[in-house]
Amino acid sequence: MHMCYAVHSPFITKITICDTHSQKPDKTVIHPLNNYKVAWDIFICVLVIYSIIMIPIRIGFDARPEFGFTVFDGFIDCVFFLDMCLSFNTAFFDNGLEMYIYSRELIALNYMKFWFWIDLVSTIPFDDFIGLFVRSHGHFSAIRAIRILRLGRLFKLQRLNKLSDYLEEHMGVSSSQINLILLMMQIFFVAHVFACFWHMLGQPSSDTARTCLSEGGFGRASLESQYIAALYFTIVTMLTVGYGDIHPTNPSERLFSLFMMLS
């Protein structure tokens, strides 16, 4: 059967590709619901969850990873790079045609329309490369800003939607249970990221000598105590139940609190 596809991309105005073997899937192309691919996606999601927990902590609390964590982070980068290679070899479902596309050309174009660039920016350790030069000049705030790019890994969690469909269809897990778990995870991740950035705002500087950390007596507390205090404040703000012992003390913190409440 002779079929033609029109492919749009931000870098390619329009391409029409004709595939004369669209009904004969390439056996070397991976089906997205293959058992091994689903297991791989679960593994990737576990690594993403680890990353989006640790990266905000290192940004907001300026936590320096120990050697073991540095090696593990390098391992994660290699796994995500391998996942990018697999994405060029994994079929995708076309909603318009209501079929899986196995053409490598179309798979590559579809991947490079959006997800490739997100994966590329969040996988390459720009902070480590640039940090080799920046640390010698003492510009640690620049490293923090570059690390924010790593949060692009958060987009990889969209695979949980595909996995939830797989669990519901093949393992009999109810959609309500899946949705409840996903909702709880989303609330925790949002609160976690907000808490880390709130702590970063609360660090004293030349412009803001009076901050929530200094007022609350957390300036010299352990990292664990500071994180618990920041998470406590974040959840109180998200639930809008009022402030108690921890509250915003300067315009930057008040603006961030408004942003959290409106989010």
C-alpha atoms as a PDB file:
ATOM      1  CA  MET A   1       0.000   0.000   0.000  1.00  0.00           C
ATOM      2  CA  HIS A   2       1.368   3.410  -0.975  1.00  0.00           C
ATOM      3  CA  MET A   3       0.923   6.065   1.718  1.00  0.00           C
ATOM      4  CA  CYS A   4       2.185   9.635   2.014  1.00  0.00           C
ATOM      5  CA  TYR A   5       2.692  11.686   5.156  1.00  0.00           C
ATOM      6  CA  ALA A   6       3.030  15.430   5.604  1.00  0.00           C
ATOM      7  CA  VAL A   7       5.462  16.246   8.387  1.00  0.00           C
ATOM      8  CA  HIS A   8       5.804  19.699   9.941  1.00  0.00           C
ATOM      9  CA  SER A   9       8.737  20.820  12.090  1.00  0.00           C
ATOM     10  CA  PRO A  10       9.970  24.135  13.506  1.00  0.00           C
ATOM     11  CA  PHE A  11      13.167  23.586  11.516  1.00  0.00           C
ATOM     12  CA  ILE A  12      11.588  22.112   8.369  1.00  0.00           C
ATOM     13  CA  THR A  13       8.687  23.982   6.800  1.00  0.00           C
ATOM     14  CA  LYS A  14       7.013  20.957   5.235  1.00  0.00           C
ATOM     15  CA  ILE A  15       8.120  17.542   4.076  1.00  0.00           C
ATOM     16  CA  THR A  16       6.060  14.901   2.377  1.00  0.00           C
ATOM     17  CA  ILE A  17       7.363  11.365   2.731  1.00  0.00           C
ATOM     18  CA  CYS A  18       5.923   8.415   0.869  1.00  0.00           C
ATOM     19  CA  ASP A  19       6.310   5.006   2.506  1.00  0.00           C
ATOM     20  CA  THR A  20       5.532   2.035   0.290  1.00  0.00           C
ATOM     21  CA  HIS A  21       6.001  -0.467   3.145  1.00  0.00           C
ATOM     22  CA  SER A  22       3.965   1.245   5.902  1.00  0.00           C
ATOM     23  CA  GLN A  23       1.963  -1.952   6.503  1.00  0.00           C
ATOM     24  CA  LYS A  24       5.124  -4.051   6.967  1.00  0.00           C
ATOM     25  CA  PRO A  25       6.726  -2.928  10.237  1.00  0.00           C
ATOM     26  CA  ASP A  26      10.497  -2.905  10.405  1.00  0.00           C
ATOM     27  CA  LYS A  27      11.420  -5.663  12.860  1.00  0.00           C
ATOM     28  CA  THR A  28      14.398  -3.641  14.091  1.00  0.00           C
ATOM     29  CA  VAL A  29      12.082  -0.798  15.190  1.00  0.00           C
ATOM     30  CA  ILE A  30      10.850  -1.154  18.786  1.00  0.00           C
ATOM     31  CA  HIS A  31       7.138  -1.174  19.532  1.00  0.00           C
ATOM     32  CA  PRO A  32       6.433   1.310  22.375  1.00  0.00           C
ATOM     33  CA  LEU A  33       4.332  -1.283  24.248  1.00  0.00           C
ATOM     34  CA  ASN A  34       6.927  -4.031  23.963  1.00  0.00           C
ATOM     35  CA  ASN A  35       7.418  -5.600  27.419  1.00  0.00           C
ATOM     36  CA  TYR A  36      11.134  -4.791  27.436  1.00  0.00           C
ATOM     37  CA  LYS A  37      10.443  -1.206  26.306  1.00  0.00           C
ATOM     38  CA  VAL A  38       7.841  -0.762  29.049  1.00  0.00           C
ATOM     39  CA  ALA A  39      10.348  -2.061  31.626  1.00  0.00           C
ATOM     40  CA  TRP A  40      12.944   0.352  30.226  1.00  0.00           C
ATOM     41  CA  ASP A  41      10.484   3.257  30.484  1.00  0.00           C
ATOM     42  CA  ILE A  42       9.788   2.359  34.116  1.00  0.00           C
ATOM     43  CA  PHE A  43      13.546   2.359  34.772  1.00  0.00           C
ATOM     44  CA  ILE A  44      13.858   5.763  33.077  1.00  0.00           C
ATOM     45  CA  CYS A  45      10.991   7.154  35.168  1.00  0.00           C
ATOM     46  CA  VAL A  46      12.707   5.982  38.370  1.00  0.00           C
ATOM     47  CA  LEU A  47      15.911   7.781  37.323  1.00  0.00           C
ATOM     48  CA  VAL A  48      13.901  10.893  36.377  1.00  0.00           C
ATOM     49  CA  ILE A  49      12.205  10.909  39.792  1.00  0.00           C
ATOM     50  CA  TYR A  50      15.633  10.686  41.445  1.00  0.00           C
ATOM     51  CA  SER A  51      16.913  13.514  39.236  1.00  0.00           C
ATOM     52  CA  ILE A  52      14.039  15.912  39.841  1.00  0.00           C
ATOM     53  CA  ILE A  53      14.405  15.337  43.584  1.00  0.00           C
ATOM     54  CA  MET A  54      18.169  15.862  43.703  1.00  0.00           C
ATOM     55  CA  ILE A  55      18.611  18.630  41.108  1.00  0.00           C
ATOM     56  CA  PRO A  56      16.375  21.215  42.870  1.00  0.00           C
ATOM     57  CA  ILE A  57      18.132  20.418  46.174  1.00  0.00           C
ATOM     58  CA  ARG A  58      21.526  21.082  44.605  1.00  0.00           C
ATOM     59  CA  ILE A  59      20.230  24.322  43.086  1.00  0.00           C
ATOM     60  CA  GLY A  60      18.297  25.640  46.078  1.00  0.00           C
ATOM     61  CA  PHE A  61      20.591  24.440  48.855  1.00  0.00           C
ATOM     62  CA  ASP A  62      23.876  24.625  46.937  1.00  0.00           C
ATOM     63  CA  ALA A  63      24.542  21.030  47.997  1.00  0.00           C
ATOM     64  CA  ARG A  64      27.805  19.640  46.643  1.00  0.00           C
ATOM     65  CA  PRO A  65      27.453  15.953  45.643  1.00  0.00           C
ATOM     66  CA  GLU A  66      29.889  13.448  47.095  1.00  0.00           C
ATOM     67  CA  PHE A  67      32.053  11.306  44.825  1.00  0.00           C
ATOM     68  CA  GLY A  68      29.600   8.384  44.839  1.00  0.00           C
ATOM     69  CA  PHE A  69      26.718  10.616  43.792  1.00  0.00           C
ATOM     70  CA  THR A  70      28.874  12.201  41.091  1.00  0.00           C
ATOM     71  CA  VAL A  71      29.618   8.766  39.612  1.00  0.00           C
ATOM     72  CA  PHE A  72      25.920   7.834  39.788  1.00  0.00           C
ATOM     73  CA  ASP A  73      24.978  11.103  38.066  1.00  0.00           C
ATOM     74  CA  GLY A  74      27.402  10.234  35.257  1.00  0.00           C
ATOM     75  CA  PHE A  75      25.752   6.826  34.961  1.00  0.00           C
ATOM     76  CA  ILE A  76      22.323   8.507  34.694  1.00  0.00           C
ATOM     77  CA  ASP A  77      23.592  10.818  31.941  1.00  0.00           C
ATOM     78  CA  CYS A  78      24.821   7.777  29.976  1.00  0.00           C
ATOM     79  CA  VAL A  79      21.456   6.013  30.448  1.00  0.00           C
ATOM     80  CA  PHE A  80      19.548   9.081  29.230  1.00  0.00           C
ATOM     81  CA  PHE A  81      21.839   9.337  26.207  1.00  0.00           C
ATOM     82  CA  LEU A  82      21.112   5.675  25.425  1.00  0.00           C
ATOM     83  CA  ASP A  83      17.407   6.441  25.820  1.00  0.00           C
ATOM     84  CA  MET A  84      17.758   9.177  23.193  1.00  0.00           C
ATOM     85  CA  CYS A  85      19.244   6.596  20.807  1.00  0.00           C
ATOM     86  CA  LEU A  86      16.342   4.231  21.526  1.00  0.00           C
ATOM     87  CA  SER A  87      13.859   7.029  20.805  1.00  0.00           C
ATOM     88  CA  PHE A  88      15.173   7.167  17.231  1.00  0.00           C
ATOM     89  CA  ASN A  89      14.324   3.473  16.959  1.00  0.00           C
ATOM     90  CA  THR A  90      10.908   3.372  18.646  1.00  0.00           C
ATOM     91  CA  ALA A  91       7.641   3.496  16.707  1.00  0.00           C
ATOM     92  CA  PHE A  92       5.101   6.178  17.586  1.00  0.00           C
ATOM     93  CA  PHE A  93       1.327   6.286  17.320  1.00  0.00           C
ATOM     94  CA  ASP A  94      -0.124   8.702  14.771  1.00  0.00           C
ATOM     95  CA  ASN A  95      -3.509   9.914  16.018  1.00  0.00           C
ATOM     96  CA  GLY A  96      -4.563  11.111  12.571  1.00  0.00           C
ATOM     97  CA  LEU A  97      -3.826   7.816  10.828  1.00  0.00           C
ATOM     98  CA  GLU A  98      -4.722   5.761  13.923  1.00  0.00           C
ATOM     99  CA  MET A  99      -1.726   3.492  13.451  1.00  0.00           C
ATOM    100  CA  TYR A 100       1.838   2.998  14.622  1.00  0.00           C
ATOM    101  CA  ILE A 101       4.493   4.537  12.399  1.00  0.00           C
ATOM    102  CA  TYR A 102       7.583   2.366  11.820  1.00  0.00           C
ATOM    103  CA  SER A 103       9.321   4.499   9.208  1.00  0.00           C
ATOM    104  CA  ARG A 104      12.702   5.552  10.600  1.00  0.00           C
ATOM    105  CA  GLU A 105      12.565   8.848   8.697  1.00  0.00           C
ATOM    106  CA  LEU A 106       9.193   9.733  10.215  1.00  0.00           C
ATOM    107  CA  ILE A 107      10.268   8.562  13.669  1.00  0.00           C
ATOM    108  CA  ALA A 108      13.346  10.810  13.532  1.00  0.00           C
ATOM    109  CA  LEU A 109      11.370  13.814  12.284  1.00  0.00           C
ATOM    110  CA  ASN A 110       8.655  13.309  14.883  1.00  0.00           C
ATOM    111  CA  TYR A 111      11.215  13.004  17.682  1.00  0.00           C
ATOM    112  CA  MET A 112      13.174  16.053  16.561  1.00  0.00           C
ATOM    113  CA  LYS A 113      10.092  18.262  16.436  1.00  0.00           C
ATOM    114  CA  PHE A 114      10.206  18.686  20.223  1.00  0.00           C
ATOM    115  CA  TRP A 115      11.369  15.881  22.510  1.00  0.00           C
ATOM    116  CA  PHE A 116      14.876  15.538  21.074  1.00  0.00           C
ATOM    117  CA  TRP A 117      15.807  19.104  22.064  1.00  0.00           C
ATOM    118  CA  ILE A 118      14.354  18.727  25.562  1.00  0.00           C
ATOM    119  CA  ASP A 119      16.252  15.453  26.040  1.00  0.00           C
ATOM    120  CA  LEU A 120      19.456  16.925  24.627  1.00  0.00           C
ATOM    121  CA  VAL A 121      19.478  19.995  26.869  1.00  0.00           C
ATOM    122  CA  SER A 122      18.579  18.001  29.997  1.00  0.00           C
ATOM    123  CA  THR A 123      21.053  15.166  29.299  1.00  0.00           C
ATOM    124  CA  ILE A 124      24.291  16.957  28.399  1.00  0.00           C
ATOM    125  CA  PRO A 125      26.015  17.995  31.694  1.00  0.00           C
ATOM    126  CA  PHE A 126      26.494  21.650  30.760  1.00  0.00           C
ATOM    127  CA  ASP A 127      26.875  22.543  34.438  1.00  0.00           C
ATOM    128  CA  ASP A 128      29.868  20.217  34.793  1.00  0.00           C
ATOM    129  CA  PHE A 129      31.559  21.431  31.608  1.00  0.00           C
ATOM    130  CA  ILE A 130      31.056  25.129  32.291  1.00  0.00           C
ATOM    131  CA  GLY A 131      31.760  24.603  35.982  1.00  0.00           C
ATOM    132  CA  LEU A 132      35.350  23.656  35.188  1.00  0.00           C
ATOM    133  CA  PHE A 133      35.890  27.225  33.986  1.00  0.00           C
ATOM    134  CA  VAL A 134      33.438  29.108  36.196  1.00  0.00           C
ATOM    135  CA  ARG A 135      34.622  27.682  39.539  1.00  0.00           C
ATOM    136  CA  SER A 136      38.068  29.130  38.996  1.00  0.00           C
ATOM    137  CA  HIS A 137      36.477  32.588  38.822  1.00  0.00           C
ATOM    138  CA  GLY A 138      34.100  32.029  41.734  1.00  0.00           C
ATOM    139  CA  HIS A 139      30.850  32.484  39.748  1.00  0.00           C
ATOM    140  CA  PHE A 140      28.898  29.771  41.555  1.00  0.00           C
ATOM    141  CA  SER A 141      25.553  31.469  40.854  1.00  0.00           C
ATOM    142  CA  ALA A 142      26.127  30.843  37.133  1.00  0.00           C
ATOM    143  CA  ILE A 143      26.439  27.115  37.797  1.00  0.00           C
ATOM    144  CA  ARG A 144      23.133  27.196  39.659  1.00  0.00           C
ATOM    145  CA  ALA A 145      21.425  28.873  36.719  1.00  0.00           C
ATOM    146  CA  ILE A 146      22.820  26.311  34.269  1.00  0.00           C
ATOM    147  CA  ARG A 147      21.650  23.431  36.460  1.00  0.00           C
ATOM    148  CA  ILE A 148      18.066  24.583  35.930  1.00  0.00           C
ATOM    149  CA  LEU A 149      18.355  23.145  32.401  1.00  0.00           C
ATOM    150  CA  ARG A 150      18.508  19.712  33.995  1.00  0.00           C
ATOM    151  CA  LEU A 151      14.917  20.151  35.152  1.00  0.00           C
ATOM    152  CA  GLY A 152      13.950  19.486  31.535  1.00  0.00           C
ATOM    153  CA  ARG A 153      14.054  15.847  32.587  1.00  0.00           C
ATOM    154  CA  LEU A 154      10.720  16.510  34.245  1.00  0.00           C
ATOM    155  CA  PHE A 155       9.134  16.264  30.793  1.00  0.00           C
ATOM    156  CA  LYS A 156      10.197  12.618  30.611  1.00  0.00           C
ATOM    157  CA  LEU A 157       7.580  11.852  33.238  1.00  0.00           C
ATOM    158  CA  GLN A 158       4.963  12.129  30.504  1.00  0.00           C
ATOM    159  CA  ARG A 159       5.819   8.464  29.935  1.00  0.00           C
ATOM    160  CA  LEU A 160       3.884   7.744  33.109  1.00  0.00           C
ATOM    161  CA  ASN A 161       0.714   8.388  31.115  1.00  0.00           C
ATOM    162  CA  LYS A 162       1.663   5.652  28.681  1.00  0.00           C
ATOM    163  CA  LEU A 163       2.616   3.346  31.529  1.00  0.00           C
ATOM    164  CA  SER A 164      -0.676   4.019  33.281  1.00  0.00           C
ATOM    165  CA  ASP A 165      -2.517   2.918  30.126  1.00  0.00           C
ATOM    166  CA  TYR A 166      -0.381  -0.221  30.056  1.00  0.00           C
ATOM    167  CA  LEU A 167      -1.087  -1.013  33.733  1.00  0.00           C
ATOM    168  CA  GLU A 168      -4.793  -0.429  33.266  1.00  0.00           C
ATOM    169  CA  GLU A 169      -5.054  -2.548  30.116  1.00  0.00           C
ATOM    170  CA  HIS A 170      -2.690  -5.436  30.861  1.00  0.00           C
ATOM    171  CA  MET A 171      -2.499  -5.635  34.663  1.00  0.00           C
ATOM    172  CA  GLY A 172      -6.041  -4.682  35.664  1.00  0.00           C
ATOM    173  CA  VAL A 173      -5.085  -1.655  37.786  1.00  0.00           C
ATOM    174  CA  SER A 174      -8.041   0.717  38.047  1.00  0.00           C
ATOM    175  CA  SER A 175      -7.707   4.163  36.515  1.00  0.00           C
ATOM    176  CA  SER A 176      -8.859   5.826  39.753  1.00  0.00           C
ATOM    177  CA  GLN A 177      -5.966   4.269  41.693  1.00  0.00           C
ATOM    178  CA  ILE A 178      -3.482   5.318  39.021  1.00  0.00           C
ATOM    179  CA  ASN A 179      -4.853   8.867  38.889  1.00  0.00           C
ATOM    180  CA  LEU A 180      -4.704   9.178  42.693  1.00  0.00           C
ATOM    181  CA  ILE A 181      -1.050   8.068  42.774  1.00  0.00           C
ATOM    182  CA  LEU A 182      -0.132  10.417  39.912  1.00  0.00           C
ATOM    183  CA  LEU A 183      -1.925  13.324  41.611  1.00  0.00           C
ATOM    184  CA  MET A 184      -0.068  12.749  44.881  1.00  0.00           C
ATOM    185  CA  MET A 185       3.241  12.560  43.000  1.00  0.00           C
ATOM    186  CA  GLN A 186       2.501  15.810  41.174  1.00  0.00           C
ATOM    187  CA  ILE A 187       1.637  17.634  44.401  1.00  0.00           C
ATOM    188  CA  PHE A 188       4.824  16.397  46.082  1.00  0.00           C
ATOM    189  CA  PHE A 189       7.067  17.308  43.136  1.00  0.00           C
ATOM    190  CA  VAL A 190       5.589  20.800  42.834  1.00  0.00           C
ATOM    191  CA  ALA A 191       5.940  21.366  46.591  1.00  0.00           C
ATOM    192  CA  HIS A 192       9.499  19.991  46.501  1.00  0.00           C
ATOM    193  CA  VAL A 193      10.621  22.274  43.662  1.00  0.00           C
ATOM    194  CA  PHE A 194       8.968  25.307  45.249  1.00  0.00           C
ATOM    195  CA  ALA A 195      10.594  24.503  48.611  1.00  0.00           C
ATOM    196  CA  CYS A 196      14.067  24.361  47.082  1.00  0.00           C
ATOM    197  CA  PHE A 197      13.663  27.640  45.222  1.00  0.00           C
ATOM    198  CA  TRP A 198      12.123  29.229  48.303  1.00  0.00           C
ATOM    199  CA  HIS A 199      15.230  28.283  50.265  1.00  0.00           C
ATOM    200  CA  MET A 200      17.424  29.814  47.552  1.00  0.00           C
ATOM    201  CA  LEU A 201      15.486  33.082  47.869  1.00  0.00           C
ATOM    202  CA  GLY A 202      15.815  32.923  51.658  1.00  0.00           C
ATOM    203  CA  GLN A 203      19.590  33.001  51.680  1.00  0.00           C
ATOM    204  CA  PRO A 204      20.900  36.393  52.921  1.00  0.00           C
ATOM    205  CA  SER A 205      22.541  38.654  50.355  1.00  0.00           C
ATOM    206  CA  SER A 206      23.766  42.224  50.116  1.00  0.00           C
ATOM    207  CA  ASP A 207      20.319  43.323  48.876  1.00  0.00           C
ATOM    208  CA  THR A 208      18.182  41.327  51.319  1.00  0.00           C
ATOM    209  CA  ALA A 209      19.799  40.995  54.706  1.00  0.00           C
ATOM    210  CA  ARG A 210      16.445  40.108  56.311  1.00  0.00           C
ATOM    211  CA  THR A 211      15.085  36.788  55.039  1.00  0.00           C
ATOM    212  CA  CYS A 212      12.851  33.978  56.225  1.00  0.00           C
ATOM    213  CA  LEU A 213      15.912  31.888  57.130  1.00  0.00           C
ATOM    214  CA  SER A 214      17.513  34.576  59.250  1.00  0.00           C
ATOM    215  CA  GLU A 215      14.218  35.516  60.914  1.00  0.00           C
ATOM    216  CA  GLY A 216      13.308  31.899  61.617  1.00  0.00           C
ATOM    217  CA  GLY A 217      16.698  30.974  63.004  1.00  0.00           C
ATOM    218  CA  PHE A 218      17.469  28.428  60.270  1.00  0.00           C
ATOM    219  CA  GLY A 219      20.601  30.111  58.951  1.00  0.00           C
ATOM    220  CA  ARG A 220      22.961  27.675  60.663  1.00  0.00           C
ATOM    221  CA  ALA A 221      20.629  24.674  60.853  1.00  0.00           C
ATOM    222  CA  SER A 222      21.382  21.387  59.115  1.00  0.00           C
ATOM    223  CA  LEU A 223      20.365  20.853  55.497  1.00  0.00           C
ATOM    224  CA  GLU A 224      17.629  18.451  56.617  1.00  0.00           C
ATOM    225  CA  SER A 225      16.130  21.009  59.031  1.00  0.00           C
ATOM    226  CA  GLN A 226      16.244  23.750  56.412  1.00  0.00           C
ATOM    227  CA  TYR A 227      14.559  21.496  53.838  1.00  0.00           C
ATOM    228  CA  ILE A 228      11.785  20.484  56.248  1.00  0.00           C
ATOM    229  CA  ALA A 229      11.182  24.150  57.109  1.00  0.00           C
ATOM    230  CA  ALA A 230      11.083  25.136  53.420  1.00  0.00           C
ATOM    231  CA  LEU A 231       8.732  22.246  52.558  1.00  0.00           C
ATOM    232  CA  TYR A 232       6.515  23.138  55.515  1.00  0.00           C
ATOM    233  CA  PHE A 233       6.262  26.751  54.364  1.00  0.00           C
ATOM    234  CA  THR A 234       5.577  25.673  50.758  1.00  0.00           C
ATOM    235  CA  ILE A 235       2.724  23.336  51.690  1.00  0.00           C
ATOM    236  CA  VAL A 236       1.220  25.941  54.025  1.00  0.00           C
ATOM    237  CA  THR A 237       1.314  28.463  51.175  1.00  0.00           C
ATOM    238  CA  MET A 238      -0.075  26.047  48.566  1.00  0.00           C
ATOM    239  CA  LEU A 239      -2.966  25.149  50.877  1.00  0.00           C
ATOM    240  CA  THR A 240      -3.392  28.844  51.852  1.00  0.00           C
ATOM    241  CA  VAL A 241      -4.039  27.986  55.502  1.00  0.00           C
ATOM    242  CA  GLY A 242      -2.157  31.035  56.800  1.00  0.00           C
ATOM    243  CA  TYR A 243       1.312  31.704  58.150  1.00  0.00           C
ATOM    244  CA  GLY A 244       2.765  30.997  61.543  1.00  0.00           C
ATOM    245  CA  ASP A 245       6.381  30.785  62.614  1.00  0.00           C
ATOM    246  CA  ILE A 246       7.743  30.839  59.023  1.00  0.00           C
ATOM    247  CA  HIS A 247       6.594  33.686  56.775  1.00  0.00           C
ATOM    248  CA  PRO A 248       7.881  35.869  53.910  1.00  0.00           C
ATOM    249  CA  THR A 249       9.940  38.824  55.105  1.00  0.00           C
ATOM    250  CA  ASN A 250      10.939  40.759  51.970  1.00  0.00           C
ATOM    251  CA  PRO A 251       9.393  41.687  48.591  1.00  0.00           C
ATOM    252  CA  SER A 252      11.078  38.830  46.692  1.00  0.00           C
ATOM    253  CA  GLU A 253       9.725  36.226  49.099  1.00  0.00           C
ATOM    254  CA  ARG A 254       6.255  37.787  49.048  1.00  0.00           C
ATOM    255  CA  LEU A 255       6.185  37.755  45.234  1.00  0.00           C
ATOM    256  CA  PHE A 256       7.275  34.117  45.205  1.00  0.00           C
ATOM    257  CA  SER A 257       4.567  33.306  47.772  1.00  0.00           C
ATOM    258  CA  LEU A 258       1.959  34.933  45.531  1.00  0.00           C
ATOM    259  CA  PHE A 259       3.228  32.901  42.600  1.00  0.00           C
ATOM    260  CA  MET A 260       2.892  29.680  44.601  1.00  0.00           C
ATOM    261  CA  MET A 261      -0.650  30.518  45.686  1.00  0.00           C
ATOM    262  CA  LEU A 262      -1.732  31.428  42.162  1.00  0.00           C
ATOM    263  CA  SER A 263      -0.130  28.277  40.752  1.00  0.00           C
END
